[in-house]
Amino acid sequence: MLYSNRRSMANNAKARVFMSGRSQHVTIPAEFRFHSSAVSIRRDPDSGDVILSEVPSLDEVFAALDAAELPEDFMSAADRDRRPPENLPALDQLFEDDAPESQQRQ
């Protein structure tokens, strides 16, 4: 949703802004309603407009990646390496020494 009082917009509506504690809230008209539980927010550096965009679900992200049809040479063989991580006891011990006592008992 983009709202600016500086330029005419074809799909323009007014929204009420109010405070709740230390947070500012905006009531969004039904025609601009989001279908997700999260949005990303940014400010346009040129106009100063606040822009809200729906955050896609992981299913939508993976579907878009599947549909992208990336070329076979997109990643090198090393990038595609899917071997399990090496067992490094000395490194495990290093992290165990740094862990809080409550985590070491588990």
C-alpha atoms as a PDB file:
ATOM      1  CA  MET A   1       0.000   0.000   0.000  1.00  0.00           C
ATOM      2  CA  LEU A   2       1.346   3.380  -0.918  1.00  0.00           C
ATOM      3  CA  TYR A   3      -0.212   6.560   0.367  1.00  0.00           C
ATOM      4  CA  SER A   4       1.038   9.983  -0.524  1.00  0.00           C
ATOM      5  CA  ASN A   5      -0.681  13.335  -0.363  1.00  0.00           C
ATOM      6  CA  ARG A   6       1.805  14.838  -2.833  1.00  0.00           C
ATOM      7  CA  ARG A   7       0.597  13.197  -6.018  1.00  0.00           C
ATOM      8  CA  SER A   8      -2.596  11.856  -7.473  1.00  0.00           C
ATOM      9  CA  MET A   9      -3.023   8.115  -7.364  1.00  0.00           C
ATOM     10  CA  ALA A  10      -5.592   6.094  -9.267  1.00  0.00           C
ATOM     11  CA  ASN A  11      -6.317   3.805  -6.296  1.00  0.00           C
ATOM     12  CA  ASN A  12      -6.321   6.370  -3.484  1.00  0.00           C
ATOM     13  CA  ALA A  13      -8.053   6.155  -0.099  1.00  0.00           C
ATOM     14  CA  LYS A  14      -7.630   7.702   3.335  1.00  0.00           C
ATOM     15  CA  ALA A  15      -6.708   5.704   6.420  1.00  0.00           C
ATOM     16  CA  ARG A  16      -6.927   6.618  10.073  1.00  0.00           C
ATOM     17  CA  VAL A  17      -3.665   6.844  12.055  1.00  0.00           C
ATOM     18  CA  PHE A  18      -3.709   6.394  15.831  1.00  0.00           C
ATOM     19  CA  MET A  19      -1.369   5.704  18.725  1.00  0.00           C
ATOM     20  CA  SER A  20      -1.512   2.664  20.983  1.00  0.00           C
ATOM     21  CA  GLY A  21       1.076   2.946  23.717  1.00  0.00           C
ATOM     22  CA  ARG A  22       4.321   3.856  21.975  1.00  0.00           C
ATOM     23  CA  SER A  23       3.282   2.279  18.656  1.00  0.00           C
ATOM     24  CA  GLN A  24       1.594   4.011  15.752  1.00  0.00           C
ATOM     25  CA  HIS A  25      -1.139   2.095  13.919  1.00  0.00           C
ATOM     26  CA  VAL A  26      -2.962   2.624  10.640  1.00  0.00           C
ATOM     27  CA  THR A  27      -6.404   1.263   9.869  1.00  0.00           C
ATOM     28  CA  ILE A  28      -6.283  -0.138   6.355  1.00  0.00           C
ATOM     29  CA  PRO A  29      -9.423   0.112   4.202  1.00  0.00           C
ATOM     30  CA  ALA A  30     -10.897  -3.214   3.054  1.00  0.00           C
ATOM     31  CA  GLU A  31      -9.840  -2.733  -0.580  1.00  0.00           C
ATOM     32  CA  PHE A  32      -6.189  -2.619   0.566  1.00  0.00           C
ATOM     33  CA  ARG A  33      -6.431  -5.533   3.017  1.00  0.00           C
ATOM     34  CA  PHE A  34      -3.421  -7.862   3.242  1.00  0.00           C
ATOM     35  CA  HIS A  35      -3.828 -11.642   2.980  1.00  0.00           C
ATOM     36  CA  SER A  36      -0.756 -12.474   5.059  1.00  0.00           C
ATOM     37  CA  SER A  37       0.093 -12.034   8.716  1.00  0.00           C
ATOM     38  CA  ALA A  38       3.285 -10.049   8.034  1.00  0.00           C
ATOM     39  CA  VAL A  39       4.290  -7.150   5.818  1.00  0.00           C
ATOM     40  CA  SER A  40       7.614  -5.546   5.035  1.00  0.00           C
ATOM     41  CA  ILE A  41       7.893  -1.795   5.416  1.00  0.00           C
ATOM     42  CA  ARG A  42      10.257   0.660   3.755  1.00  0.00           C
ATOM     43  CA  ARG A  43      10.467   4.352   3.041  1.00  0.00           C
ATOM     44  CA  ASP A  44      10.970   5.598  -0.510  1.00  0.00           C
ATOM     45  CA  PRO A  45      14.169   7.688  -0.335  1.00  0.00           C
ATOM     46  CA  ASP A  46      13.003  10.162  -2.984  1.00  0.00           C
ATOM     47  CA  SER A  47       9.420  10.851  -1.928  1.00  0.00           C
ATOM     48  CA  GLY A  48       9.542   9.821   1.737  1.00  0.00           C
ATOM     49  CA  ASP A  49       6.427   7.658   1.173  1.00  0.00           C
ATOM     50  CA  VAL A  50       5.998   4.638   3.423  1.00  0.00           C
ATOM     51  CA  ILE A  51       5.489   1.449   1.415  1.00  0.00           C
ATOM     52  CA  LEU A  52       4.011  -1.758   2.837  1.00  0.00           C
ATOM     53  CA  SER A  53       4.383  -5.030   0.917  1.00  0.00           C
ATOM     54  CA  GLU A  54       3.069  -8.490   1.733  1.00  0.00           C
ATOM     55  CA  VAL A  55       5.718 -10.956   2.811  1.00  0.00           C
ATOM     56  CA  PRO A  56       5.309 -14.102   0.706  1.00  0.00           C
ATOM     57  CA  SER A  57       4.905 -17.460   2.429  1.00  0.00           C
ATOM     58  CA  LEU A  58       7.728 -19.998   2.165  1.00  0.00           C
ATOM     59  CA  ASP A  59       5.513 -22.074  -0.140  1.00  0.00           C
ATOM     60  CA  GLU A  60       5.252 -19.097  -2.503  1.00  0.00           C
ATOM     61  CA  VAL A  61       9.015 -18.500  -2.359  1.00  0.00           C
ATOM     62  CA  PHE A  62       9.839 -22.134  -3.142  1.00  0.00           C
ATOM     63  CA  ALA A  63       7.226 -22.247  -5.920  1.00  0.00           C
ATOM     64  CA  ALA A  64       8.817 -19.158  -7.496  1.00  0.00           C
ATOM     65  CA  LEU A  65      12.272 -20.735  -7.254  1.00  0.00           C
ATOM     66  CA  ASP A  66      10.977 -23.947  -8.841  1.00  0.00           C
ATOM     67  CA  ALA A  67       9.378 -21.955 -11.655  1.00  0.00           C
ATOM     68  CA  ALA A  68      12.544 -19.898 -12.280  1.00  0.00           C
ATOM     69  CA  GLU A  69      14.203 -22.676 -14.325  1.00  0.00           C
ATOM     70  CA  LEU A  70      17.761 -21.736 -13.404  1.00  0.00           C
ATOM     71  CA  PRO A  71      20.479 -22.822 -15.847  1.00  0.00           C
ATOM     72  CA  GLU A  72      22.434 -25.984 -15.018  1.00  0.00           C
ATOM     73  CA  ASP A  73      25.644 -23.988 -14.529  1.00  0.00           C
ATOM     74  CA  PHE A  74      24.034 -21.621 -11.991  1.00  0.00           C
ATOM     75  CA  MET A  75      26.077 -23.051  -9.108  1.00  0.00           C
ATOM     76  CA  SER A  76      29.474 -24.709  -9.187  1.00  0.00           C
ATOM     77  CA  ALA A  77      29.889 -28.331  -8.101  1.00  0.00           C
ATOM     78  CA  ALA A  78      31.382 -27.119  -4.791  1.00  0.00           C
ATOM     79  CA  ASP A  79      28.314 -24.939  -4.147  1.00  0.00           C
ATOM     80  CA  ARG A  80      26.057 -27.952  -4.727  1.00  0.00           C
ATOM     81  CA  ASP A  81      28.067 -30.155  -2.335  1.00  0.00           C
ATOM     82  CA  ARG A  82      25.500 -31.699   0.024  1.00  0.00           C
ATOM     83  CA  ARG A  83      27.763 -33.934   2.125  1.00  0.00           C
ATOM     84  CA  PRO A  84      27.027 -33.968   5.875  1.00  0.00           C
ATOM     85  CA  PRO A  85      29.315 -31.799   8.004  1.00  0.00           C
ATOM     86  CA  GLU A  86      32.550 -33.337   9.256  1.00  0.00           C
ATOM     87  CA  ASN A  87      32.753 -34.637  12.804  1.00  0.00           C
ATOM     88  CA  LEU A  88      35.184 -32.315  14.601  1.00  0.00           C
ATOM     89  CA  PRO A  89      35.408 -33.303  18.311  1.00  0.00           C
ATOM     90  CA  ALA A  90      37.871 -30.516  19.178  1.00  0.00           C
ATOM     91  CA  LEU A  91      35.453 -27.917  17.808  1.00  0.00           C
ATOM     92  CA  ASP A  92      32.529 -29.516  19.648  1.00  0.00           C
ATOM     93  CA  GLN A  93      34.546 -29.370  22.882  1.00  0.00           C
ATOM     94  CA  LEU A  94      35.332 -25.691  22.295  1.00  0.00           C
ATOM     95  CA  PHE A  95      31.633 -24.852  22.060  1.00  0.00           C
ATOM     96  CA  GLU A  96      30.743 -27.059  25.036  1.00  0.00           C
ATOM     97  CA  ASP A  97      33.252 -25.118  27.148  1.00  0.00           C
ATOM     98  CA  ASP A  98      31.547 -21.826  26.184  1.00  0.00           C
ATOM     99  CA  ALA A  99      27.977 -23.067  26.740  1.00  0.00           C
ATOM    100  CA  PRO A 100      26.105 -21.991  29.891  1.00  0.00           C
ATOM    101  CA  GLU A 101      26.075 -24.659  32.604  1.00  0.00           C
ATOM    102  CA  SER A 102      22.368 -25.385  32.089  1.00  0.00           C
ATOM    103  CA  GLN A 103      23.014 -26.353  28.438  1.00  0.00           C
ATOM    104  CA  GLN A 104      26.007 -28.563  29.278  1.00  0.00           C
ATOM    105  CA  ARG A 105      23.823 -30.898  31.372  1.00  0.00           C
ATOM    106  CA  GLN A 106      21.523 -31.771  28.460  1.00  0.00           C
END
